[in-house]
Amino acid sequence: MEDRIFKYALMVSLLLHIFVLLKLSYSNVHFLSQPIKSLEVVYPRMTIEKGTVPKEKKPLKGMKVEVESQPVNTKGRLDSLTKDISKLSEDFFQKGQKPKQPAEKGTKRKVSVPALEAQQIKNPLYLDYYKEVRSSIRERAYVNYQQFDSGEVYLAFIVEASGELKQIRIIEERTKANQYLRRVSVQSVKEASPFPPFPEELKYPELSFNVVISFEVE
């Protein structure tokens, strides 16, 4: 009799436990199956009246304020400044020349290529051709003469029958001029060539000429 009562009690207890476990499992499943509501945050809208600008707060005493500094490209500025200075130097001192001297009021430059008496050929055709050569040289020397320096440059050069300049040199022992006038003189003779061809009556393959270019300042 006692064994039967114990078995009934055990069965009732087991059924109760099973019922409680089933109910708890159903409650968890039902809770998880419900959707989670999203949380929405709404910020109040601030309105600023037209024409008013919010004032910046001044830093309090003892407060550290970090200021972001931007790097300055000094290298590019220095390179540009160096190029400008180099260009001015080249324009101011071309080919090692001295800077042009300022002309005084009433100062004039004068260029002349006078005839030299010590010419070996006395043929009138040669003398006429020699005069034409001197005229061409004087025109070019006047254009190239830009400074106010004085002096005389003696030159000797050879011209072929076609009028082409063959050789040219400065006669140092008779020249009294600085390097600038020497350079202008040689450049002027080269730019004046080619000269006109020789006349048919002058049957020479080439002729030599001596000229003096005189630079004067009045």
Protein backbone atom coordinates (compact mmCIF):
# COMPACT_ATOMS: atom_id res chain seq x y z
CA MET A 1 0.00 0.00 0.00
CA GLU A 2 2.76 2.40 0.91
CA ASP A 3 4.64 1.58 -2.30
CA ARG A 4 1.63 2.48 -4.39
CA ILE A 5 1.16 5.83 -2.65
CA PHE A 6 4.84 6.65 -3.20
CA LYS A 7 4.58 5.86 -6.90
CA TYR A 8 1.50 8.10 -7.28
CA ALA A 9 3.23 10.95 -5.50
CA LEU A 10 6.32 10.56 -7.66
CA MET A 11 4.24 10.59 -10.85
CA VAL A 12 2.34 13.71 -9.75
CA SER A 13 5.62 15.50 -8.91
CA LEU A 14 7.08 14.56 -12.27
CA LEU A 15 4.04 15.84 -14.13
CA LEU A 16 4.18 19.11 -12.23
CA HIS A 17 7.86 19.60 -13.10
CA ILE A 18 7.19 18.86 -16.76
CA PHE A 19 4.32 21.36 -16.79
CA VAL A 20 6.47 24.11 -15.19
CA LEU A 21 9.35 23.53 -17.63
CA LEU A 22 7.04 23.67 -20.66
CA LYS A 23 5.50 26.90 -19.47
CA LEU A 24 8.90 28.55 -18.92
CA SER A 25 10.12 27.48 -22.38
CA TYR A 26 6.99 28.91 -24.03
CA SER A 27 7.44 32.22 -22.20
CA ASN A 28 11.10 32.60 -23.43
CA VAL A 29 10.17 31.77 -27.00
CA HIS A 30 7.31 34.27 -26.97
CA PHE A 31 9.61 37.01 -25.56
CA LEU A 32 12.30 36.44 -28.19
CA SER A 33 9.78 36.39 -31.02
CA GLN A 34 8.55 39.92 -30.24
CA PRO A 35 10.18 42.67 -32.47
CA ILE A 36 12.56 45.12 -30.82
CA LYS A 37 11.40 48.70 -31.12
CA SER A 38 13.98 51.19 -32.51
CA LEU A 39 14.98 54.11 -30.36
CA GLU A 40 14.50 57.50 -32.06
CA VAL A 41 16.40 60.55 -30.81
CA VAL A 42 15.00 63.97 -31.74
CA TYR A 43 17.18 67.08 -31.32
CA PRO A 44 15.43 70.40 -30.80
CA ARG A 45 15.82 72.79 -33.79
CA MET A 46 17.74 75.95 -33.09
CA THR A 47 16.88 79.10 -35.01
CA ILE A 48 19.31 81.98 -35.47
CA GLU A 49 17.91 85.37 -36.23
CA LYS A 50 18.97 86.92 -39.54
CA GLY A 51 21.89 89.28 -39.23
CA THR A 52 23.18 87.82 -36.00
CA VAL A 53 26.31 85.73 -35.74
CA PRO A 54 26.95 83.62 -32.69
CA LYS A 55 29.84 85.03 -30.75
CA GLU A 56 32.84 82.83 -30.29
CA LYS A 57 33.72 82.06 -26.75
CA LYS A 58 36.93 83.65 -25.67
CA PRO A 59 39.42 81.28 -24.13
CA LEU A 60 39.52 81.48 -20.38
CA LYS A 61 42.67 82.40 -18.58
CA GLY A 62 44.93 79.39 -18.31
CA MET A 63 43.14 77.55 -21.11
CA LYS A 64 45.37 76.14 -23.86
CA VAL A 65 44.28 76.95 -27.40
CA GLU A 66 45.76 74.95 -30.26
CA VAL A 67 46.21 76.87 -33.49
CA GLU A 68 46.76 74.90 -36.68
CA SER A 69 49.54 76.48 -38.72
CA GLN A 70 49.96 75.88 -42.45
CA PRO A 71 53.50 75.52 -43.85
CA VAL A 72 54.67 78.43 -46.00
CA ASN A 73 56.28 77.51 -49.34
CA THR A 74 59.39 79.67 -48.99
CA LYS A 75 61.42 77.53 -51.40
CA GLY A 76 59.21 78.35 -54.36
CA ARG A 77 59.31 82.06 -53.55
CA LEU A 78 63.10 82.01 -53.21
CA ASP A 79 63.50 80.17 -56.55
CA SER A 80 61.27 82.70 -58.30
CA LEU A 81 63.17 85.61 -56.74
CA THR A 82 66.51 84.07 -57.78
CA LYS A 83 65.35 83.69 -61.39
CA ASP A 84 64.19 87.32 -61.51
CA ILE A 85 67.54 88.53 -60.17
CA SER A 86 69.46 86.33 -62.63
CA LYS A 87 67.42 87.64 -65.56
CA LEU A 88 68.03 91.25 -64.52
CA SER A 89 71.75 90.54 -64.20
CA GLU A 90 71.91 88.99 -67.67
CA ASP A 91 70.06 91.91 -69.22
CA PHE A 92 72.21 94.39 -67.35
CA PHE A 93 75.57 92.75 -68.03
CA GLN A 94 75.30 91.20 -71.49
CA LYS A 95 78.37 89.21 -72.53
CA GLY A 96 80.52 90.73 -69.81
CA GLN A 97 79.89 94.29 -70.95
CA LYS A 98 79.78 97.16 -68.54
CA PRO A 99 76.38 98.72 -67.87
CA LYS A 100 75.46 101.43 -70.31
CA GLN A 101 76.58 104.80 -69.14
CA PRO A 102 73.83 107.40 -68.88
CA ALA A 103 74.08 109.98 -71.58
CA GLU A 104 74.53 113.55 -70.51
CA LYS A 105 72.27 116.15 -72.01
CA GLY A 106 73.58 117.12 -75.44
CA THR A 107 75.98 114.13 -75.66
CA LYS A 108 76.24 112.51 -79.08
CA ARG A 109 78.00 109.43 -80.40
CA LYS A 110 79.97 109.63 -83.61
CA VAL A 111 81.41 106.78 -85.71
CA SER A 112 83.75 107.30 -88.65
CA VAL A 113 85.78 105.00 -90.92
CA PRO A 114 88.25 107.30 -92.68
CA ALA A 115 90.34 106.22 -95.64
CA LEU A 116 93.90 105.14 -94.95
CA GLU A 117 96.62 106.48 -97.23
CA ALA A 118 98.88 103.43 -97.00
CA GLN A 119 96.98 101.29 -99.52
CA GLN A 120 99.01 99.09 -101.83
CA ILE A 121 96.63 99.23 -104.80
CA LYS A 122 96.03 102.63 -106.41
CA ASN A 123 93.50 101.38 -108.95
CA PRO A 124 90.44 103.71 -108.98
CA LEU A 125 88.11 100.70 -109.12
CA TYR A 126 89.77 99.31 -106.01
CA LEU A 127 89.47 102.67 -104.23
CA ASP A 128 85.77 102.90 -105.10
CA TYR A 129 85.18 99.40 -103.81
CA TYR A 130 87.21 100.21 -100.69
CA LYS A 131 84.99 103.24 -100.10
CA GLU A 132 81.85 101.09 -100.37
CA VAL A 133 83.27 98.60 -97.89
CA ARG A 134 84.06 101.36 -95.37
CA SER A 135 80.55 102.79 -95.73
CA SER A 136 78.93 99.42 -94.96
CA ILE A 137 81.16 98.94 -91.91
CA ARG A 138 80.42 102.44 -90.59
CA GLU A 139 76.64 101.84 -90.78
CA ARG A 140 76.86 98.62 -88.80
CA ALA A 141 79.29 100.11 -86.24
CA TYR A 142 76.94 103.03 -85.60
CA VAL A 143 74.07 100.62 -84.88
CA ASN A 144 76.20 98.43 -82.55
CA TYR A 145 77.80 101.37 -80.73
CA GLN A 146 75.51 101.75 -77.69
CA GLN A 147 77.87 102.95 -74.96
CA PHE A 148 79.65 106.26 -74.51
CA ASP A 149 83.25 105.04 -74.88
CA SER A 150 85.88 106.63 -77.08
CA GLY A 151 88.71 104.99 -78.99
CA GLU A 152 90.09 103.77 -82.31
CA VAL A 153 90.27 100.19 -83.53
CA TYR A 154 92.53 99.22 -86.46
CA LEU A 155 91.47 96.15 -88.40
CA ALA A 156 92.92 94.11 -91.23
CA PHE A 157 90.71 91.67 -93.16
CA ILE A 158 90.55 89.75 -96.43
CA VAL A 159 87.53 89.67 -98.76
CA GLU A 160 87.04 87.07 -101.48
CA ALA A 161 85.94 87.97 -105.03
CA SER A 162 82.38 86.93 -104.16
CA GLY A 163 82.29 89.48 -101.34
CA GLU A 164 82.56 86.93 -98.52
CA LEU A 165 84.69 87.82 -95.49
CA LYS A 166 87.62 85.40 -95.22
CA GLN A 167 89.81 86.59 -92.34
CA ILE A 168 89.83 89.45 -89.85
CA ARG A 169 92.22 90.55 -87.08
CA ILE A 170 92.88 93.55 -84.87
CA ILE A 171 96.14 95.44 -85.32
CA GLU A 172 97.07 95.68 -81.66
CA GLU A 173 100.02 98.06 -81.99
CA ARG A 174 97.81 100.78 -83.51
CA THR A 175 94.59 100.17 -81.57
CA LYS A 176 93.68 102.40 -78.64
CA ALA A 177 90.32 101.16 -77.37
CA ASN A 178 88.81 99.02 -74.62
CA GLN A 179 87.45 95.51 -75.02
CA TYR A 180 83.93 96.74 -75.67
CA LEU A 181 84.98 98.83 -78.70
CA ARG A 182 87.15 96.01 -80.00
CA ARG A 183 84.22 93.62 -79.83
CA VAL A 184 81.89 96.11 -81.52
CA SER A 185 84.40 96.68 -84.35
CA VAL A 186 84.90 93.00 -85.17
CA GLN A 187 81.16 92.35 -84.92
CA SER A 188 80.40 95.27 -87.26
CA VAL A 189 82.75 94.03 -89.99
CA LYS A 190 81.27 90.52 -89.78
CA GLU A 191 77.71 91.85 -89.94
CA ALA A 192 78.56 94.14 -92.89
CA SER A 193 79.63 91.12 -94.93
CA PRO A 194 79.05 89.72 -97.42
CA PHE A 195 80.17 92.78 -99.34
CA PRO A 196 79.30 93.33 -103.02
CA PRO A 197 81.23 91.11 -105.46
CA PHE A 198 84.36 92.56 -107.06
CA PRO A 199 83.91 94.50 -110.31
CA GLU A 200 84.83 92.46 -113.40
CA GLU A 201 87.80 94.73 -114.01
CA LEU A 202 89.30 93.73 -110.65
CA LYS A 203 90.51 90.27 -111.58
CA TYR A 204 91.68 89.22 -108.14
CA PRO A 205 90.63 86.08 -106.23
CA GLU A 206 90.74 88.09 -103.00
CA LEU A 207 91.71 91.54 -101.68
CA SER A 208 93.05 92.73 -98.32
CA PHE A 209 91.82 95.89 -96.60
CA ASN A 210 92.93 97.94 -93.63
CA VAL A 211 90.38 100.14 -91.86
CA VAL A 212 90.23 102.18 -88.68
CA ILE A 213 86.93 102.59 -86.86
CA SER A 214 86.89 105.73 -84.76
CA PHE A 215 84.39 106.07 -81.90
CA GLU A 216 83.92 109.58 -80.55
CA VAL A 217 81.64 111.22 -77.99
CA GLU A 218 80.75 114.87 -78.55
